[in-house]
């Protein structure tokens, strides 16, 4: 077993919701910024059911005026089994 950093999807989602509210943006605002037909992707991000793609993460960080590292919550204690 090796300790590798793992993204905590639930806490990252909570972070996205908190940062969105701090920025004074609604889910609809983000939907419009990203050009999504529905808000489902943003709700999935906030619920921790999915993560933004890297290109969407770059845009999200710019829109929220934070660094990508400020959005992602990384668990550094997660143990991952690496198969040889």
N, C-alpha and C. Protein backbone atom coordinates (compact mmCIF):
# COMPACT_ATOMS: atom_id res chain seq x y z
N UNK A 1 0.84 -1.18 0.00
CA UNK A 1 0.00 0.00 0.00
C UNK A 1 0.88 1.25 0.00
N UNK A 2 0.45 2.23 -0.76
CA UNK A 2 1.20 3.48 -0.88
C UNK A 2 0.26 4.64 -0.58
N UNK A 3 0.74 5.64 0.12
CA UNK A 3 -0.06 6.82 0.38
C UNK A 3 0.04 7.77 -0.81
N UNK A 4 -1.05 7.95 -1.49
CA UNK A 4 -1.12 8.88 -2.62
C UNK A 4 -2.27 9.84 -2.38
N UNK A 5 -2.14 11.08 -2.86
CA UNK A 5 -3.24 12.03 -2.69
C UNK A 5 -4.46 11.61 -3.53
N UNK A 6 -5.63 11.75 -2.94
CA UNK A 6 -6.88 11.42 -3.62
C UNK A 6 -7.84 12.60 -3.43
N UNK A 7 -8.54 12.98 -4.49
CA UNK A 7 -9.50 14.08 -4.39
C UNK A 7 -10.74 13.60 -3.62
N UNK A 8 -11.09 14.33 -2.59
CA UNK A 8 -12.31 14.05 -1.82
C UNK A 8 -13.46 14.73 -2.58
N UNK A 9 -14.24 13.92 -3.30
CA UNK A 9 -15.27 14.48 -4.18
C UNK A 9 -16.36 15.20 -3.41
N UNK A 10 -16.78 14.65 -2.27
CA UNK A 10 -17.87 15.26 -1.50
C UNK A 10 -17.43 16.61 -0.95
N UNK A 11 -16.24 16.65 -0.34
CA UNK A 11 -15.77 17.92 0.23
C UNK A 11 -15.44 18.93 -0.86
N UNK A 12 -14.96 18.45 -2.00
CA UNK A 12 -14.71 19.35 -3.13
C UNK A 12 -16.04 19.94 -3.62
N UNK A 13 -17.07 19.12 -3.69
CA UNK A 13 -18.39 19.59 -4.09
C UNK A 13 -18.93 20.64 -3.13
N UNK A 14 -18.75 20.40 -1.84
CA UNK A 14 -19.20 21.37 -0.83
C UNK A 14 -18.43 22.68 -1.01
N UNK A 15 -17.17 22.55 -1.34
CA UNK A 15 -16.32 23.72 -1.57
C UNK A 15 -16.81 24.53 -2.77
N UNK A 16 -17.18 23.83 -3.84
CA UNK A 16 -17.67 24.51 -5.04
C UNK A 16 -18.93 25.30 -4.70
N UNK A 17 -19.84 24.68 -3.96
CA UNK A 17 -21.06 25.37 -3.56
C UNK A 17 -20.78 26.59 -2.70
N UNK A 18 -19.87 26.43 -1.74
CA UNK A 18 -19.52 27.54 -0.84
C UNK A 18 -18.86 28.68 -1.61
N UNK A 19 -17.91 28.35 -2.47
CA UNK A 19 -17.21 29.38 -3.25
C UNK A 19 -18.15 30.09 -4.23
N UNK A 20 -19.09 29.32 -4.79
CA UNK A 20 -20.08 29.90 -5.72
C UNK A 20 -20.92 30.94 -4.99
N UNK A 21 -21.37 30.57 -3.79
CA UNK A 21 -22.21 31.50 -3.00
C UNK A 21 -21.40 32.72 -2.58
N UNK A 22 -20.14 32.49 -2.18
CA UNK A 22 -19.27 33.62 -1.79
C UNK A 22 -19.09 34.59 -2.94
N UNK A 23 -19.05 34.05 -4.16
CA UNK A 23 -18.86 34.89 -5.34
C UNK A 23 -20.17 35.56 -5.76
N UNK A 24 -21.26 35.22 -5.07
CA UNK A 24 -22.55 35.82 -5.38
C UNK A 24 -23.17 35.28 -6.66
N UNK A 25 -22.81 34.04 -7.01
CA UNK A 25 -23.32 33.44 -8.25
C UNK A 25 -24.34 32.36 -7.94
N UNK A 26 -25.34 32.25 -8.79
CA UNK A 26 -26.32 31.18 -8.67
C UNK A 26 -25.88 30.00 -9.54
N UNK A 27 -26.52 28.86 -9.35
CA UNK A 27 -26.26 27.71 -10.21
C UNK A 27 -26.58 28.09 -11.66
N UNK A 28 -27.65 28.85 -11.85
CA UNK A 28 -28.04 29.31 -13.19
C UNK A 28 -26.94 30.17 -13.81
N UNK A 29 -26.31 31.03 -12.99
CA UNK A 29 -25.21 31.86 -13.49
C UNK A 29 -24.09 30.97 -14.03
N UNK A 30 -23.71 29.94 -13.25
CA UNK A 30 -22.65 29.04 -13.71
C UNK A 30 -23.08 28.27 -14.95
N UNK A 31 -24.32 27.84 -14.96
CA UNK A 31 -24.84 27.13 -16.14
C UNK A 31 -24.67 28.00 -17.39
N UNK A 32 -25.01 29.27 -17.29
CA UNK A 32 -24.89 30.19 -18.42
C UNK A 32 -23.43 30.42 -18.80
N UNK A 33 -22.56 30.58 -17.79
CA UNK A 33 -21.14 30.81 -18.06
C UNK A 33 -20.54 29.63 -18.83
N UNK A 34 -20.90 28.41 -18.41
CA UNK A 34 -20.35 27.22 -19.06
C UNK A 34 -21.10 26.84 -20.33
N UNK A 35 -22.26 27.44 -20.55
CA UNK A 35 -23.04 27.12 -21.74
C UNK A 35 -23.70 25.77 -21.68
N UNK A 36 -23.97 25.30 -20.45
CA UNK A 36 -24.64 24.01 -20.29
C UNK A 36 -26.13 24.17 -20.57
N UNK A 37 -26.73 23.16 -21.22
CA UNK A 37 -28.16 23.20 -21.52
C UNK A 37 -29.00 23.07 -20.24
N UNK A 38 -28.49 22.31 -19.27
CA UNK A 38 -29.18 22.12 -17.99
C UNK A 38 -28.17 22.35 -16.86
N UNK A 39 -28.67 22.55 -15.64
CA UNK A 39 -27.75 22.78 -14.51
C UNK A 39 -27.25 21.49 -13.86
N UNK A 40 -27.61 20.33 -14.44
CA UNK A 40 -27.31 19.05 -13.79
C UNK A 40 -25.83 18.86 -13.47
N UNK A 41 -24.94 19.24 -14.37
CA UNK A 41 -23.50 19.05 -14.13
C UNK A 41 -23.06 19.81 -12.89
N UNK A 42 -23.55 21.03 -12.74
CA UNK A 42 -23.16 21.85 -11.59
C UNK A 42 -23.70 21.26 -10.30
N UNK A 43 -24.93 20.75 -10.33
CA UNK A 43 -25.48 20.10 -9.14
C UNK A 43 -24.67 18.85 -8.81
N UNK A 44 -24.26 18.09 -9.82
CA UNK A 44 -23.44 16.89 -9.58
C UNK A 44 -22.10 17.27 -8.97
N UNK A 45 -21.51 18.37 -9.45
CA UNK A 45 -20.24 18.83 -8.85
C UNK A 45 -20.46 19.14 -7.38
N UNK A 46 -21.51 19.90 -7.07
CA UNK A 46 -21.76 20.35 -5.70
C UNK A 46 -22.13 19.19 -4.78
N UNK A 47 -22.73 18.14 -5.33
CA UNK A 47 -23.11 16.97 -4.52
C UNK A 47 -21.95 15.99 -4.37
N UNK A 48 -20.86 16.22 -5.11
CA UNK A 48 -19.73 15.31 -5.05
C UNK A 48 -19.93 14.05 -5.87
N UNK A 49 -20.93 14.08 -6.77
CA UNK A 49 -21.20 12.92 -7.62
C UNK A 49 -20.30 12.92 -8.86
N UNK A 50 -19.73 14.08 -9.18
CA UNK A 50 -18.85 14.20 -10.34
C UNK A 50 -17.90 15.36 -10.09
N UNK A 51 -16.79 15.35 -10.81
CA UNK A 51 -15.84 16.45 -10.73
C UNK A 51 -15.84 17.21 -12.05
N UNK A 52 -15.56 18.51 -12.02
CA UNK A 52 -15.42 19.24 -13.28
C UNK A 52 -14.24 18.69 -14.06
N UNK A 53 -14.34 18.71 -15.38
CA UNK A 53 -13.18 18.34 -16.20
C UNK A 53 -12.09 19.37 -15.96
N UNK A 54 -10.88 19.06 -16.36
CA UNK A 54 -9.77 19.98 -16.11
C UNK A 54 -10.03 21.34 -16.77
N UNK A 55 -10.53 21.35 -18.00
CA UNK A 55 -10.79 22.63 -18.67
C UNK A 55 -11.89 23.41 -17.96
N UNK A 56 -12.93 22.72 -17.46
CA UNK A 56 -13.97 23.40 -16.70
C UNK A 56 -13.46 23.88 -15.35
N UNK A 57 -12.53 23.13 -14.76
CA UNK A 57 -11.94 23.53 -13.49
C UNK A 57 -11.15 24.84 -13.65
N UNK A 58 -10.44 24.97 -14.75
CA UNK A 58 -9.68 26.19 -15.03
C UNK A 58 -10.64 27.38 -15.12
N UNK A 59 -11.74 27.22 -15.84
CA UNK A 59 -12.73 28.29 -15.98
C UNK A 59 -13.39 28.58 -14.64
N UNK A 60 -13.74 27.53 -13.91
CA UNK A 60 -14.39 27.70 -12.61
C UNK A 60 -13.50 28.51 -11.66
N UNK A 61 -12.22 28.19 -11.63
CA UNK A 61 -11.28 28.92 -10.78
C UNK A 61 -11.23 30.40 -11.18
N UNK A 62 -11.21 30.67 -12.48
CA UNK A 62 -11.17 32.06 -12.95
C UNK A 62 -12.45 32.79 -12.58
N UNK A 63 -13.60 32.15 -12.76
CA UNK A 63 -14.89 32.77 -12.46
C UNK A 63 -15.03 33.04 -10.96
N UNK A 64 -14.57 32.09 -10.14
CA UNK A 64 -14.68 32.23 -8.70
C UNK A 64 -13.52 33.05 -8.11
N UNK A 65 -12.56 33.38 -8.96
CA UNK A 65 -11.39 34.16 -8.57
C UNK A 65 -10.60 33.49 -7.45
N UNK A 66 -10.38 32.18 -7.63
CA UNK A 66 -9.56 31.40 -6.70
C UNK A 66 -8.61 30.53 -7.53
N UNK A 67 -7.68 29.88 -6.84
CA UNK A 67 -6.80 28.93 -7.52
C UNK A 67 -7.49 27.58 -7.60
N UNK A 68 -7.10 26.76 -8.56
CA UNK A 68 -7.69 25.42 -8.65
C UNK A 68 -7.47 24.65 -7.35
N UNK A 69 -6.32 24.85 -6.72
CA UNK A 69 -6.03 24.19 -5.44
C UNK A 69 -7.01 24.60 -4.35
N UNK A 70 -7.61 25.78 -4.48
CA UNK A 70 -8.59 26.24 -3.50
C UNK A 70 -9.94 25.57 -3.69
N UNK A 71 -10.16 25.00 -4.87
CA UNK A 71 -11.42 24.32 -5.17
C UNK A 71 -11.34 22.85 -4.76
N UNK A 72 -10.25 22.20 -5.13
CA UNK A 72 -10.09 20.77 -4.87
C UNK A 72 -9.72 20.51 -3.42
N UNK A 73 -10.37 19.52 -2.81
CA UNK A 73 -10.01 19.09 -1.46
C UNK A 73 -9.33 17.74 -1.61
N UNK A 74 -8.05 17.70 -1.23
CA UNK A 74 -7.25 16.50 -1.42
C UNK A 74 -7.01 15.82 -0.09
N UNK A 75 -7.27 14.52 -0.07
CA UNK A 75 -7.00 13.70 1.11
C UNK A 75 -5.64 13.04 0.88
N UNK A 76 -4.65 13.47 1.64
CA UNK A 76 -3.30 12.95 1.43
C UNK A 76 -3.05 11.66 2.17
N UNK A 77 -3.97 11.26 3.04
CA UNK A 77 -3.76 10.07 3.84
C UNK A 77 -4.38 8.83 3.20
N UNK A 78 -5.00 8.98 2.05
CA UNK A 78 -5.66 7.83 1.42
C UNK A 78 -4.62 6.80 0.99
N UNK A 79 -4.91 5.56 1.26
CA UNK A 79 -3.99 4.49 0.86
C UNK A 79 -4.50 3.88 -0.42
N UNK A 80 -3.60 3.77 -1.37
CA UNK A 80 -3.96 3.22 -2.67
C UNK A 80 -3.08 2.02 -2.93
N UNK A 81 -3.69 0.96 -3.37
CA UNK A 81 -2.90 -0.23 -3.71
C UNK A 81 -2.46 -0.13 -5.16
N UNK A 82 -1.17 -0.23 -5.38
CA UNK A 82 -0.63 -0.15 -6.73
C UNK A 82 -0.26 -1.56 -7.16
N UNK A 83 -0.86 -1.98 -8.26
CA UNK A 83 -0.53 -3.32 -8.76
C UNK A 83 0.62 -3.23 -9.74
N UNK A 84 1.54 -4.14 -9.61
CA UNK A 84 2.75 -4.13 -10.44
C UNK A 84 2.48 -4.74 -11.81
